[in-house]
PDB file of all heavy atoms in Angstrom:
ATOM      1  N   VAL A   1       0.830  -1.201   0.000  1.00  0.00           N
ATOM      2  CA  VAL A   1       0.000   0.000   0.000  1.00  0.00           C
ATOM      3  C   VAL A   1       0.868   1.256   0.000  1.00  0.00           C
ATOM      4  O   VAL A   1       0.701   2.156  -0.825  1.00  0.00           O
ATOM      5  CB  VAL A   1      -0.957   0.012   1.213  1.00  0.00           C
ATOM      6  CG1 VAL A   1      -1.814   1.290   1.200  1.00  0.00           C
ATOM      7  CG2 VAL A   1      -1.836  -1.220   1.214  1.00  0.00           C
ATOM      8  N   CYS A   2       1.821   1.314   0.934  1.00  0.00           N
ATOM      9  CA  CYS A   2       2.612   2.541   1.087  1.00  0.00           C
ATOM     10  C   CYS A   2       4.096   2.348   0.796  1.00  0.00           C
ATOM     11  O   CYS A   2       4.887   3.289   0.950  1.00  0.00           O
ATOM     12  CB  CYS A   2       2.429   3.110   2.486  1.00  0.00           C
ATOM     13  SG  CYS A   2       3.110   2.059   3.797  1.00  0.00           S
ATOM     14  N   GLU A   3       4.512   1.142   0.432  1.00  0.00           N
ATOM     15  CA  GLU A   3       5.892   0.848   0.038  1.00  0.00           C
ATOM     16  C   GLU A   3       6.892   0.893   1.199  1.00  0.00           C
ATOM     17  O   GLU A   3       8.094   0.849   0.982  1.00  0.00           O
ATOM     18  CB  GLU A   3       6.368   1.817  -1.062  1.00  0.00           C
ATOM     19  CG  GLU A   3       5.567   1.728  -2.349  1.00  0.00           C
ATOM     20  CD  GLU A   3       5.768   0.401  -3.076  1.00  0.00           C
ATOM     21  OE1 GLU A   3       6.901   0.082  -3.442  1.00  0.00           O
ATOM     22  OE2 GLU A   3       4.773  -0.316  -3.247  1.00  0.00           O
ATOM     23  N   LYS A   4       6.432   0.972   2.440  1.00  0.00           N
ATOM     24  CA  LYS A   4       7.346   0.957   3.576  1.00  0.00           C
ATOM     25  C   LYS A   4       7.950  -0.442   3.713  1.00  0.00           C
ATOM     26  O   LYS A   4       7.261  -1.445   3.496  1.00  0.00           O
ATOM     27  CB  LYS A   4       6.613   1.345   4.859  1.00  0.00           C
ATOM     28  CG  LYS A   4       7.540   1.554   6.048  1.00  0.00           C
ATOM     29  CD  LYS A   4       6.783   2.119   7.249  1.00  0.00           C
ATOM     30  CE  LYS A   4       7.744   2.371   8.405  1.00  0.00           C
ATOM     31  NZ  LYS A   4       7.037   2.957   9.589  1.00  0.00           N
ATOM     32  N   CYS A   5       9.242  -0.528   4.097  1.00  0.00           N
ATOM     33  CA  CYS A   5       9.956  -1.815   4.143  1.00  0.00           C
ATOM     34  C   CYS A   5      10.269  -2.236   5.573  1.00  0.00           C
ATOM     35  O   CYS A   5      10.458  -1.397   6.466  1.00  0.00           O
ATOM     36  CB  CYS A   5      11.255  -1.729   3.342  1.00  0.00           C
ATOM     37  SG  CYS A   5      10.995  -1.393   1.590  1.00  0.00           S
ATOM     38  N   PHE A   6      10.371  -3.559   5.760  1.00  0.00           N
ATOM     39  CA  PHE A   6      10.639  -4.134   7.073  1.00  0.00           C
ATOM     40  C   PHE A   6      11.593  -5.319   6.924  1.00  0.00           C
ATOM     41  O   PHE A   6      11.631  -5.974   5.886  1.00  0.00           O
ATOM     42  CB  PHE A   6       9.333  -4.599   7.736  1.00  0.00           C
ATOM     43  CG  PHE A   6       8.309  -3.511   7.901  1.00  0.00           C
ATOM     44  CD1 PHE A   6       7.437  -3.207   6.860  1.00  0.00           C
ATOM     45  CD2 PHE A   6       8.228  -2.786   9.081  1.00  0.00           C
ATOM     46  CE1 PHE A   6       6.491  -2.198   6.993  1.00  0.00           C
ATOM     47  CE2 PHE A   6       7.289  -1.771   9.222  1.00  0.00           C
ATOM     48  CZ  PHE A   6       6.429  -1.481   8.185  1.00  0.00           C
ATOM     49  N   THR A   7      12.342  -5.587   7.990  1.00  0.00           N
ATOM     50  CA  THR A   7      13.277  -6.722   7.956  1.00  0.00           C
ATOM     51  C   THR A   7      12.603  -8.025   8.342  1.00  0.00           C
ATOM     52  O   THR A   7      13.107  -9.103   8.018  1.00  0.00           O
ATOM     53  CB  THR A   7      14.457  -6.485   8.914  1.00  0.00           C
ATOM     54  OG1 THR A   7      13.948  -6.242  10.237  1.00  0.00           O
ATOM     55  CG2 THR A   7      15.279  -5.293   8.460  1.00  0.00           C
ATOM     56  N   ARG A   8      11.455  -7.941   9.022  1.00  0.00           N
ATOM     57  CA  ARG A   8      10.767  -9.157   9.477  1.00  0.00           C
ATOM     58  C   ARG A   8       9.316  -9.121   9.058  1.00  0.00           C
ATOM     59  O   ARG A   8       8.664  -8.068   9.041  1.00  0.00           O
ATOM     60  CB  ARG A   8      10.873  -9.285  11.002  1.00  0.00           C
ATOM     61  CG  ARG A   8      12.308  -9.367  11.521  1.00  0.00           C
ATOM     62  CD  ARG A   8      12.360  -9.357  13.037  1.00  0.00           C
ATOM     63  NE  ARG A   8      11.677 -10.517  13.596  1.00  0.00           N
ATOM     64  CZ  ARG A   8      11.451 -10.663  14.915  1.00  0.00           C
ATOM     65  NH1 ARG A   8      11.812  -9.718  15.759  1.00  0.00           N
ATOM     66  NH2 ARG A   8      10.852 -11.750  15.348  1.00  0.00           N
ATOM     67  N   GLY A   9       8.792 -10.332   8.763  1.00  0.00           N
ATOM     68  CA  GLY A   9       7.417 -10.434   8.312  1.00  0.00           C
ATOM     69  C   GLY A   9       6.412 -10.019   9.371  1.00  0.00           C
ATOM     70  O   GLY A   9       5.384  -9.403   9.052  1.00  0.00           O
ATOM     71  N   ASN A  10       6.682 -10.346  10.646  1.00  0.00           N
ATOM     72  CA  ASN A  10       5.703  -9.987  11.676  1.00  0.00           C
ATOM     73  C   ASN A  10       5.622  -8.476  11.885  1.00  0.00           C
ATOM     74  O   ASN A  10       4.575  -7.944  12.279  1.00  0.00           O
ATOM     75  CB  ASN A  10       6.017 -10.706  12.991  1.00  0.00           C
ATOM     76  CG  ASN A  10       7.366 -10.335  13.559  1.00  0.00           C
ATOM     77  OD1 ASN A  10       8.286 -10.011  12.816  1.00  0.00           O
ATOM     78  ND2 ASN A  10       7.498 -10.392  14.873  1.00  0.00           N
ATOM     79  N   ASN A  11       6.725  -7.754  11.588  1.00  0.00           N
ATOM     80  CA  ASN A  11       6.670  -6.288  11.670  1.00  0.00           C
ATOM     81  C   ASN A  11       5.774  -5.708  10.584  1.00  0.00           C
ATOM     82  O   ASN A  11       5.023  -4.747  10.818  1.00  0.00           O
ATOM     83  CB  ASN A  11       8.075  -5.701  11.554  1.00  0.00           C
ATOM     84  CG  ASN A  11       8.947  -6.026  12.751  1.00  0.00           C
ATOM     85  OD1 ASN A  11       8.439  -6.347  13.827  1.00  0.00           O
ATOM     86  ND2 ASN A  11      10.254  -5.961  12.570  1.00  0.00           N
ATOM     87  N   LEU A  12       5.841  -6.299   9.389  1.00  0.00           N
ATOM     88  CA  LEU A  12       4.951  -5.862   8.312  1.00  0.00           C
ATOM     89  C   LEU A  12       3.501  -6.197   8.651  1.00  0.00           C
ATOM     90  O   LEU A  12       2.587  -5.406   8.361  1.00  0.00           O
ATOM     91  CB  LEU A  12       5.361  -6.512   6.986  1.00  0.00           C
ATOM     92  CG  LEU A  12       4.456  -6.240   5.789  1.00  0.00           C
ATOM     93  CD1 LEU A  12       4.242  -4.741   5.575  1.00  0.00           C
ATOM     94  CD2 LEU A  12       5.031  -6.882   4.525  1.00  0.00           C
ATOM     95  N   THR A  13       3.278  -7.352   9.290  1.00  0.00           N
ATOM     96  CA  THR A  13       1.925  -7.738   9.684  1.00  0.00           C
ATOM     97  C   THR A  13       1.327  -6.711  10.645  1.00  0.00           C
ATOM     98  O   THR A  13       0.175  -6.285  10.488  1.00  0.00           O
ATOM     99  CB  THR A  13       1.943  -9.125  10.353  1.00  0.00           C
ATOM    100  OG1 THR A  13       2.363 -10.097   9.404  1.00  0.00           O
ATOM    101  CG2 THR A  13       0.556  -9.494  10.871  1.00  0.00           C
ATOM    102  N   VAL A  14       2.101  -6.304  11.654  1.00  0.00           N
ATOM    103  CA  VAL A  14       1.630  -5.287  12.610  1.00  0.00           C
ATOM    104  C   VAL A  14       1.327  -3.974  11.874  1.00  0.00           C
ATOM    105  O   VAL A  14       0.302  -3.330  12.139  1.00  0.00           O
ATOM    106  CB  VAL A  14       2.691  -5.059  13.707  1.00  0.00           C
ATOM    107  CG1 VAL A  14       2.306  -3.862  14.586  1.00  0.00           C
ATOM    108  CG2 VAL A  14       2.849  -6.308  14.560  1.00  0.00           C
ATOM    109  N   HIS A  15       2.188  -3.612  10.931  1.00  0.00           N
ATOM    110  CA  HIS A  15       1.981  -2.390  10.142  1.00  0.00           C
ATOM    111  C   HIS A  15       0.681  -2.457   9.358  1.00  0.00           C
ATOM    112  O   HIS A  15      -0.113  -1.498   9.352  1.00  0.00           O
ATOM    113  CB  HIS A  15       3.170  -2.195   9.207  1.00  0.00           C
ATOM    114  CG  HIS A  15       2.966  -1.126   8.171  1.00  0.00           C
ATOM    115  ND1 HIS A  15       3.117   0.222   8.440  1.00  0.00           N
ATOM    116  CD2 HIS A  15       2.620  -1.228   6.844  1.00  0.00           C
ATOM    117  CE1 HIS A  15       2.870   0.910   7.344  1.00  0.00           C
ATOM    118  NE2 HIS A  15       2.571   0.066   6.357  1.00  0.00           N
ATOM    119  N   LEU A  16       0.437  -3.572   8.671  1.00  0.00           N
ATOM    120  CA  LEU A  16      -0.771  -3.716   7.857  1.00  0.00           C
ATOM    121  C   LEU A  16      -2.030  -3.664   8.708  1.00  0.00           C
ATOM    122  O   LEU A  16      -3.048  -3.089   8.306  1.00  0.00           O
ATOM    123  CB  LEU A  16      -0.721  -5.031   7.072  1.00  0.00           C
ATOM    124  CG  LEU A  16       0.271  -5.091   5.907  1.00  0.00           C
ATOM    125  CD1 LEU A  16       0.412  -6.521   5.394  1.00  0.00           C
ATOM    126  CD2 LEU A  16      -0.171  -4.169   4.778  1.00  0.00           C
ATOM    127  N   ARG A  17      -1.968  -4.251   9.883  1.00  0.00           N
ATOM    128  CA  ARG A  17      -3.151  -4.274  10.748  1.00  0.00           C
ATOM    129  C   ARG A  17      -3.441  -2.905  11.356  1.00  0.00           C
ATOM    130  O   ARG A  17      -4.588  -2.468  11.402  1.00  0.00           O
ATOM    131  CB  ARG A  17      -2.965  -5.315  11.853  1.00  0.00           C
ATOM    132  CG  ARG A  17      -2.922  -6.751  11.355  1.00  0.00           C
ATOM    133  CD  ARG A  17      -2.756  -7.715  12.514  1.00  0.00           C
ATOM    134  NE  ARG A  17      -3.901  -7.662  13.412  1.00  0.00           N
ATOM    135  CZ  ARG A  17      -3.938  -8.234  14.611  1.00  0.00           C
ATOM    136  NH1 ARG A  17      -2.875  -8.879  15.054  1.00  0.00           N
ATOM    137  NH2 ARG A  17      -5.016  -8.174  15.360  1.00  0.00           N
ATOM    138  N   LYS A  18      -2.386  -2.209  11.842  1.00  0.00           N
ATOM    139  CA  LYS A  18      -2.607  -0.956  12.560  1.00  0.00           C
ATOM    140  C   LYS A  18      -2.700   0.253  11.626  1.00  0.00           C
ATOM    141  O   LYS A  18      -3.535   1.146  11.822  1.00  0.00           O
ATOM    142  CB  LYS A  18      -1.488  -0.750  13.579  1.00  0.00           C
ATOM    143  CG  LYS A  18      -1.536  -1.745  14.727  1.00  0.00           C
ATOM    144  CD  LYS A  18      -0.501  -1.420  15.803  1.00  0.00           C
ATOM    145  CE  LYS A  18      -0.644  -2.350  16.998  1.00  0.00           C
ATOM    146  NZ  LYS A  18       0.337  -2.043  18.074  1.00  0.00           N
ATOM    147  N   LYS A  19      -1.835   0.281  10.609  1.00  0.00           N
ATOM    148  CA  LYS A  19      -1.793   1.453   9.733  1.00  0.00           C
ATOM    149  C   LYS A  19      -2.852   1.394   8.638  1.00  0.00           C
ATOM    150  O   LYS A  19      -3.484   2.391   8.309  1.00  0.00           O
ATOM    151  CB  LYS A  19      -0.399   1.567   9.093  1.00  0.00           C
ATOM    152  CG  LYS A  19      -0.199   2.826   8.278  1.00  0.00           C
ATOM    153  CD  LYS A  19      -0.231   4.060   9.168  1.00  0.00           C
ATOM    154  CE  LYS A  19       0.055   5.314   8.353  1.00  0.00           C
ATOM    155  NZ  LYS A  19      -0.034   6.524   9.202  1.00  0.00           N
ATOM    156  N   HIS A  20      -3.071   0.205   8.084  1.00  0.00           N
ATOM    157  CA  HIS A  20      -3.992   0.085   6.951  1.00  0.00           C
ATOM    158  C   HIS A  20      -5.245  -0.721   7.272  1.00  0.00           C
ATOM    159  O   HIS A  20      -6.045  -1.002   6.375  1.00  0.00           O
ATOM    160  CB  HIS A  20      -3.256  -0.541   5.770  1.00  0.00           C
ATOM    161  CG  HIS A  20      -2.044   0.231   5.336  1.00  0.00           C
ATOM    162  ND1 HIS A  20      -2.105   1.521   4.860  1.00  0.00           N
ATOM    163  CD2 HIS A  20      -0.729  -0.108   5.328  1.00  0.00           C
ATOM    164  CE1 HIS A  20      -0.878   1.954   4.568  1.00  0.00           C
ATOM    165  NE2 HIS A  20      -0.020   0.980   4.840  1.00  0.00           N
ATOM    166  N   GLN A  21      -5.409  -1.122   8.525  1.00  0.00           N
ATOM    167  CA  GLN A  21      -6.612  -1.826   8.993  1.00  0.00           C
ATOM    168  C   GLN A  21      -6.911  -3.113   8.214  1.00  0.00           C
ATOM    169  O   GLN A  21      -8.073  -3.435   7.933  1.00  0.00           O
ATOM    170  CB  GLN A  21      -7.848  -0.900   8.940  1.00  0.00           C
ATOM    171  CG  GLN A  21      -7.863   0.187  10.006  1.00  0.00           C
ATOM    172  CD  GLN A  21      -6.894   1.304   9.715  1.00  0.00           C
ATOM    173  OE1 GLN A  21      -6.897   1.864   8.606  1.00  0.00           O
ATOM    174  NE2 GLN A  21      -6.063   1.630  10.683  1.00  0.00           N
ATOM    175  N   PHE A  22      -5.875  -3.844   7.840  1.00  0.00           N
ATOM    176  CA  PHE A  22      -6.104  -5.145   7.216  1.00  0.00           C
ATOM    177  C   PHE A  22      -6.404  -6.182   8.299  1.00  0.00           C
ATOM    178  O   PHE A  22      -5.921  -6.073   9.435  1.00  0.00           O
ATOM    179  CB  PHE A  22      -4.872  -5.582   6.414  1.00  0.00           C
ATOM    180  CG  PHE A  22      -4.849  -5.053   5.011  1.00  0.00           C
ATOM    181  CD1 PHE A  22      -4.364  -3.783   4.735  1.00  0.00           C
ATOM    182  CD2 PHE A  22      -5.310  -5.822   3.954  1.00  0.00           C
ATOM    183  CE1 PHE A  22      -4.338  -3.292   3.447  1.00  0.00           C
ATOM    184  CE2 PHE A  22      -5.295  -5.340   2.663  1.00  0.00           C
ATOM    185  CZ  PHE A  22      -4.810  -4.062   2.406  1.00  0.00           C
ATOM    186  N   LYS A  23      -7.155  -7.177   7.936  1.00  0.00           N
ATOM    187  CA  LYS A  23      -7.441  -8.277   8.848  1.00  0.00           C
ATOM    188  C   LYS A  23      -7.439  -9.577   8.053  1.00  0.00           C
ATOM    189  O   LYS A  23      -7.581  -9.574   6.829  1.00  0.00           O
ATOM    190  CB  LYS A  23      -8.784  -8.094   9.538  1.00  0.00           C
ATOM    191  CG  LYS A  23      -9.980  -8.095   8.587  1.00  0.00           C
ATOM    192  CD  LYS A  23     -11.287  -7.899   9.326  1.00  0.00           C
ATOM    193  CE  LYS A  23     -12.474  -7.910   8.330  1.00  0.00           C
ATOM    194  NZ  LYS A  23     -13.765  -7.751   9.043  1.00  0.00           N
ATOM    195  N   TRP A  24      -7.277 -10.692   8.745  1.00  0.00           N
ATOM    196  CA  TRP A  24      -7.328 -11.981   8.065  1.00  0.00           C
ATOM    197  C   TRP A  24      -8.618 -12.700   8.413  1.00  0.00           C
ATOM    198  O   TRP A  24      -9.234 -12.429   9.444  1.00  0.00           O
ATOM    199  CB  TRP A  24      -6.120 -12.845   8.398  1.00  0.00           C
ATOM    200  CG  TRP A  24      -5.818 -13.030   9.853  1.00  0.00           C
ATOM    201  CD1 TRP A  24      -6.501 -13.788  10.748  1.00  0.00           C
ATOM    202  CD2 TRP A  24      -4.739 -12.433  10.573  1.00  0.00           C
ATOM    203  NE1 TRP A  24      -5.914 -13.712  11.982  1.00  0.00           N
ATOM    204  CE2 TRP A  24      -4.833 -12.897  11.905  1.00  0.00           C
ATOM    205  CE3 TRP A  24      -3.703 -11.573  10.231  1.00  0.00           C
ATOM    206  CZ2 TRP A  24      -3.929 -12.508  12.891  1.00  0.00           C
ATOM    207  CZ3 TRP A  24      -2.814 -11.205  11.212  1.00  0.00           C
ATOM    208  CH2 TRP A  24      -2.920 -11.663  12.513  1.00  0.00           C
ATOM    209  N   PRO A  25      -9.073 -13.628   7.561  1.00  0.00           N
ATOM    210  CA  PRO A  25     -10.325 -14.341   7.833  1.00  0.00           C
ATOM    211  C   PRO A  25     -10.251 -15.130   9.129  1.00  0.00           C
ATOM    212  O   PRO A  25      -9.168 -15.545   9.552  1.00  0.00           O
ATOM    213  CB  PRO A  25     -10.472 -15.281   6.627  1.00  0.00           C
ATOM    214  CG  PRO A  25      -9.635 -14.658   5.564  1.00  0.00           C
ATOM    215  CD  PRO A  25      -8.492 -14.011   6.281  1.00  0.00           C
ATOM    216  N   SER A  26     -11.391 -15.336   9.744  1.00  0.00           N
ATOM    217  CA  SER A  26     -11.461 -16.125  10.977  1.00  0.00           C
ATOM    218  C   SER A  26     -10.787 -17.477  10.793  1.00  0.00           C
ATOM    219  O   SER A  26     -11.043 -18.187   9.825  1.00  0.00           O
ATOM    220  CB  SER A  26     -12.934 -16.328  11.357  1.00  0.00           C
ATOM    221  OG  SER A  26     -13.064 -17.330  12.334  1.00  0.00           O
ATOM    222  N   GLY A  27      -9.912 -17.815  11.714  1.00  0.00           N
ATOM    223  CA  GLY A  27      -9.249 -19.119  11.668  1.00  0.00           C
ATOM    224  C   GLY A  27      -7.877 -19.084  11.046  1.00  0.00           C
ATOM    225  O   GLY A  27      -7.024 -19.889  11.385  1.00  0.00           O
ATOM    226  N   HIS A  28      -7.639 -18.158  10.126  1.00  0.00           N
ATOM    227  CA  HIS A  28      -6.324 -18.067   9.497  1.00  0.00           C
ATOM    228  C   HIS A  28      -5.376 -17.354  10.461  1.00  0.00           C
ATOM    229  O   HIS A  28      -5.610 -16.200  10.825  1.00  0.00           O
ATOM    230  CB  HIS A  28      -6.409 -17.327   8.166  1.00  0.00           C
ATOM    231  CG  HIS A  28      -7.020 -18.153   7.087  1.00  0.00           C
ATOM    232  ND1 HIS A  28      -6.274 -18.847   6.171  1.00  0.00           N
ATOM    233  CD2 HIS A  28      -8.312 -18.435   6.807  1.00  0.00           C
ATOM    234  CE1 HIS A  28      -7.078 -19.508   5.349  1.00  0.00           C
ATOM    235  NE2 HIS A  28      -8.318 -19.271   5.719  1.00  0.00           N
ATOM    236  N   PRO A  29      -4.292 -18.006  10.875  1.00  0.00           N
ATOM    237  CA  PRO A  29      -3.474 -17.487  11.957  1.00  0.00           C
ATOM    238  C   PRO A  29      -2.562 -16.337  11.572  1.00  0.00           C
ATOM    239  O   PRO A  29      -2.112 -15.598  12.431  1.00  0.00           O
ATOM    240  CB  PRO A  29      -2.636 -18.712  12.374  1.00  0.00           C
ATOM    241  CG  PRO A  29      -2.517 -19.517  11.114  1.00  0.00           C
ATOM    242  CD  PRO A  29      -3.821 -19.322  10.395  1.00  0.00           C
ATOM    243  N   ARG A  30      -2.251 -16.170  10.281  1.00  0.00           N
ATOM    244  CA  ARG A  30      -1.258 -15.150   9.930  1.00  0.00           C
ATOM    245  C   ARG A  30      -1.387 -14.759   8.466  1.00  0.00           C
ATOM    246  O   ARG A  30      -2.001 -15.458   7.681  1.00  0.00           O
ATOM    247  CB  ARG A  30       0.156 -15.677  10.181  1.00  0.00           C
ATOM    248  CG  ARG A  30       0.492 -16.916   9.368  1.00  0.00           C
ATOM    249  CD  ARG A  30       1.843 -17.488   9.766  1.00  0.00           C
ATOM    250  NE  ARG A  30       2.150 -18.734   9.091  1.00  0.00           N
ATOM    251  CZ  ARG A  30       2.714 -18.829   7.904  1.00  0.00           C
ATOM    252  NH1 ARG A  30       3.024 -17.738   7.235  1.00  0.00           N
ATOM    253  NH2 ARG A  30       2.971 -19.997   7.363  1.00  0.00           N
ATOM    254  N   PHE A  31      -0.793 -13.622   8.133  1.00  0.00           N
ATOM    255  CA  PHE A  31      -0.685 -13.224   6.732  1.00  0.00           C
ATOM    256  C   PHE A  31       0.411 -14.053   6.061  1.00  0.00           C
ATOM    257  O   PHE A  31       1.359 -14.482   6.708  1.00  0.00           O
ATOM    258  CB  PHE A  31      -0.306 -11.744   6.620  1.00  0.00           C
ATOM    259  CG  PHE A  31      -1.407 -10.790   7.018  1.00  0.00           C
ATOM    260  CD1 PHE A  31      -1.094  -9.526   7.507  1.00  0.00           C
ATOM    261  CD2 PHE A  31      -2.734 -11.131   6.895  1.00  0.00           C
ATOM    262  CE1 PHE A  31      -2.086  -8.637   7.861  1.00  0.00           C
ATOM    263  CE2 PHE A  31      -3.736 -10.257   7.245  1.00  0.00           C
ATOM    264  CZ  PHE A  31      -3.412  -9.007   7.733  1.00  0.00           C
ATOM    265  N   ARG A  32       0.269 -14.235   4.770  1.00  0.00           N
ATOM    266  CA  ARG A  32       1.305 -14.920   3.992  1.00  0.00           C
ATOM    267  C   ARG A  32       1.885 -13.933   2.990  1.00  0.00           C
ATOM    268  O   ARG A  32       1.159 -13.111   2.422  1.00  0.00           O
ATOM    269  CB  ARG A  32       0.726 -16.144   3.269  1.00  0.00           C
ATOM    270  CG  ARG A  32       0.232 -17.215   4.219  1.00  0.00           C
ATOM    271  CD  ARG A  32      -0.291 -18.429   3.479  1.00  0.00           C
ATOM    272  NE  ARG A  32      -0.823 -19.421   4.402  1.00  0.00           N
ATOM    273  CZ  ARG A  32      -0.101 -20.335   5.040  1.00  0.00           C
ATOM    274  NH1 ARG A  32       1.201 -20.388   4.834  1.00  0.00           N
ATOM    275  NH2 ARG A  32      -0.645 -21.190   5.859  1.00  0.00           N
ATOM    276  N   TYR A  33       3.189 -14.054   2.757  1.00  0.00           N
ATOM    277  CA  TYR A  33       3.877 -13.100   1.893  1.00  0.00           C
ATOM    278  C   TYR A  33       4.484 -13.809   0.686  1.00  0.00           C
ATOM    279  O   TYR A  33       5.017 -14.905   0.797  1.00  0.00           O
ATOM    280  CB  TYR A  33       4.944 -12.353   2.688  1.00  0.00           C
ATOM    281  CG  TYR A  33       4.336 -11.530   3.794  1.00  0.00           C
ATOM    282  CD1 TYR A  33       4.371 -11.975   5.116  1.00  0.00           C
ATOM    283  CD2 TYR A  33       3.684 -10.344   3.517  1.00  0.00           C
ATOM    284  CE1 TYR A  33       3.779 -11.232   6.137  1.00  0.00           C
ATOM    285  CE2 TYR A  33       3.085  -9.595   4.523  1.00  0.00           C
ATOM    286  CZ  TYR A  33       3.141 -10.052   5.828  1.00  0.00           C
ATOM    287  OH  TYR A  33       2.542  -9.319   6.815  1.00  0.00           O
ATOM    288  N   LYS A  34       4.369 -13.144  -0.452  1.00  0.00           N
ATOM    289  CA  LYS A  34       4.823 -13.696  -1.721  1.00  0.00           C
ATOM    290  C   LYS A  34       6.000 -12.879  -2.255  1.00  0.00           C
ATOM    291  O   LYS A  34       5.963 -11.648  -2.258  1.00  0.00           O
ATOM    292  CB  LYS A  34       3.675 -13.673  -2.738  1.00  0.00           C
ATOM    293  CG  LYS A  34       4.054 -14.092  -4.143  1.00  0.00           C
ATOM    294  CD  LYS A  34       2.844 -14.012  -5.068  1.00  0.00           C
ATOM    295  CE  LYS A  34       3.216 -14.348  -6.504  1.00  0.00           C
ATOM    296  NZ  LYS A  34       2.058 -14.263  -7.406  1.00  0.00           N
ATOM    297  N   GLU A  35       7.044 -13.580  -2.711  1.00  0.00           N
ATOM    298  CA  GLU A  35       8.211 -12.900  -3.266  1.00  0.00           C
ATOM    299  C   GLU A  35       7.928 -12.446  -4.697  1.00  0.00           C
ATOM    300  O   GLU A  35       7.463 -13.227  -5.529  1.00  0.00           O
ATOM    301  CB  GLU A  35       9.435 -13.809  -3.228  1.00  0.00           C
ATOM    302  CG  GLU A  35      10.708 -13.124  -3.692  1.00  0.00           C
ATOM    303  CD  GLU A  35      11.941 -13.998  -3.538  1.00  0.00           C
ATOM    304  OE1 GLU A  35      11.796 -15.142  -3.060  1.00  0.00           O
ATOM    305  OE2 GLU A  35      13.041 -13.541  -3.899  1.00  0.00           O
ATOM    306  N   HIS A  36       8.232 -11.199  -4.984  1.00  0.00           N
ATOM    307  CA  HIS A  36       8.006 -10.637  -6.321  1.00  0.00           C
ATOM    308  C   HIS A  36       9.319 -10.551  -7.098  1.00  0.00           C
ATOM    309  O   HIS A  36      10.396 -10.843  -6.569  1.00  0.00           O
ATOM    310  CB  HIS A  36       7.354  -9.258  -6.198  1.00  0.00           C
ATOM    311  CG  HIS A  36       5.927  -9.323  -5.744  1.00  0.00           C
ATOM    312  ND1 HIS A  36       4.868  -8.960  -6.539  1.00  0.00           N
ATOM    313  CD2 HIS A  36       5.383  -9.733  -4.571  1.00  0.00           C
ATOM    314  CE1 HIS A  36       3.734  -9.125  -5.891  1.00  0.00           C
ATOM    315  NE2 HIS A  36       4.019  -9.597  -4.685  1.00  0.00           N
ATOM    316  N   ASP A  37       9.212 -10.152  -8.351  1.00  0.00           N
ATOM    317  CA  ASP A  37      10.388 -10.124  -9.233  1.00  0.00           C
ATOM    318  C   ASP A  37      11.495  -9.216  -8.718  1.00  0.00           C
ATOM    319  O   ASP A  37      12.671  -9.439  -9.013  1.00  0.00           O
ATOM    320  CB  ASP A  37       9.976  -9.689 -10.650  1.00  0.00           C
ATOM    321  CG  ASP A  37       9.096 -10.737 -11.336  1.00  0.00           C
ATOM    322  OD1 ASP A  37       9.149 -11.906 -10.904  1.00  0.00           O
ATOM    323  OD2 ASP A  37       8.369 -10.372 -12.276  1.00  0.00           O
ATOM    324  N   ASP A  38      11.135  -8.186  -7.950  1.00  0.00           N
ATOM    325  CA  ASP A  38      12.159  -7.259  -7.442  1.00  0.00           C
ATOM    326  C   ASP A  38      12.823  -7.762  -6.166  1.00  0.00           C
ATOM    327  O   ASP A  38      13.649  -7.061  -5.579  1.00  0.00           O
ATOM    328  CB  ASP A  38      11.551  -5.877  -7.207  1.00  0.00           C
ATOM    329  CG  ASP A  38      10.386  -5.903  -6.212  1.00  0.00           C
ATOM    330  OD1 ASP A  38      10.106  -6.983  -5.645  1.00  0.00           O
ATOM    331  OD2 ASP A  38       9.760  -4.836  -6.014  1.00  0.00           O
ATOM    332  N   GLY A  39      12.447  -8.961  -5.720  1.00  0.00           N
ATOM    333  CA  GLY A  39      13.075  -9.549  -4.542  1.00  0.00           C
ATOM    334  C   GLY A  39      12.373  -9.245  -3.238  1.00  0.00           C
ATOM    335  O   GLY A  39      12.712  -9.821  -2.196  1.00  0.00           O
ATOM    336  N   PHE A  40      11.380  -8.350  -3.259  1.00  0.00           N
ATOM    337  CA  PHE A  40      10.650  -8.015  -2.032  1.00  0.00           C
ATOM    338  C   PHE A  40       9.481  -8.977  -1.832  1.00  0.00           C
ATOM    339  O   PHE A  40       8.881  -9.480  -2.788  1.00  0.00           O
ATOM    340  CB  PHE A  40      10.126  -6.577  -2.096  1.00  0.00           C
ATOM    341  CG  PHE A  40      11.192  -5.534  -1.892  1.00  0.00           C
ATOM    342  CD1 PHE A  40      11.749  -4.872  -2.974  1.00  0.00           C
ATOM    343  CD2 PHE A  40      11.637  -5.225  -0.614  1.00  0.00           C
ATOM    344  CE1 PHE A  40      12.735  -3.908  -2.798  1.00  0.00           C
ATOM    345  CE2 PHE A  40      12.630  -4.263  -0.426  1.00  0.00           C
ATOM    346  CZ  PHE A  40      13.179  -3.606  -1.513  1.00  0.00           C
ATOM    347  N   LEU A  41       9.152  -9.200  -0.551  1.00  0.00           N
ATOM    348  CA  LEU A  41       8.003 -10.037  -0.206  1.00  0.00           C
ATOM    349  C   LEU A  41       6.840  -9.136   0.158  1.00  0.00           C
ATOM    350  O   LEU A  41       6.950  -8.278   1.048  1.00  0.00           O
ATOM    351  CB  LEU A  41       8.354 -10.956   0.970  1.00  0.00           C
ATOM    352  CG  LEU A  41       9.391 -12.026   0.655  1.00  0.00           C
ATOM    353  CD1 LEU A  41      10.608 -11.843   1.553  1.00  0.00           C
ATOM    354  CD2 LEU A  41       8.823 -13.406   0.821  1.00  0.00           C
ATOM    355  N   ARG A  42       5.704  -9.344  -0.538  1.00  0.00           N
ATOM    356  CA  ARG A  42       4.505  -8.549  -0.276  1.00  0.00           C
ATOM    357  C   ARG A  42       3.354  -9.479   0.081  1.00  0.00           C
ATOM    358  O   ARG A  42       3.408 -10.681  -0.147  1.00  0.00           O
ATOM    359  CB  ARG A  42       4.149  -7.710  -1.508  1.00  0.00           C
ATOM    360  CG  ARG A  42       5.199  -6.654  -1.861  1.00  0.00           C
ATOM    361  CD  ARG A  42       4.780  -5.864  -3.083  1.00  0.00           C
ATOM    362  NE  ARG A  42       5.736  -4.803  -3.427  1.00  0.00           N
ATOM    363  CZ  ARG A  42       6.824  -4.983  -4.153  1.00  0.00           C
ATOM    364  NH1 ARG A  42       7.100  -6.198  -4.639  1.00  0.00           N
ATOM    365  NH2 ARG A  42       7.631  -3.972  -4.405  1.00  0.00           N
ATOM    366  N   LEU A  43       2.285  -8.887   0.606  1.00  0.00           N
ATOM    367  CA  LEU A  43       1.148  -9.657   1.081  1.00  0.00           C
ATOM    368  C   LEU A  43       0.525 -10.496  -0.028  1.00  0.00           C
ATOM    369  O   LEU A  43       0.248 -10.000  -1.124  1.00  0.00           O
ATOM    370  CB  LEU A  43       0.088  -8.712   1.665  1.00  0.00           C
ATOM    371  CG  LEU A  43      -1.164  -9.376   2.253  1.00  0.00           C
ATOM    372  CD1 LEU A  43      -0.801 -10.225   3.452  1.00  0.00           C
ATOM    373  CD2 LEU A  43      -2.180  -8.292   2.642  1.00  0.00           C
TER     374      LEU A  43
END
């Protein structure tokens, strides 16, 4: 959303939840991140 970078996935998860109000479906324990062509992992 905002291109901010993090060294750990759980830090990005906290950012997405608090800054952008993302949530995951009931029962799903965590966000999953996918590696893109530029080497960064995004939601």
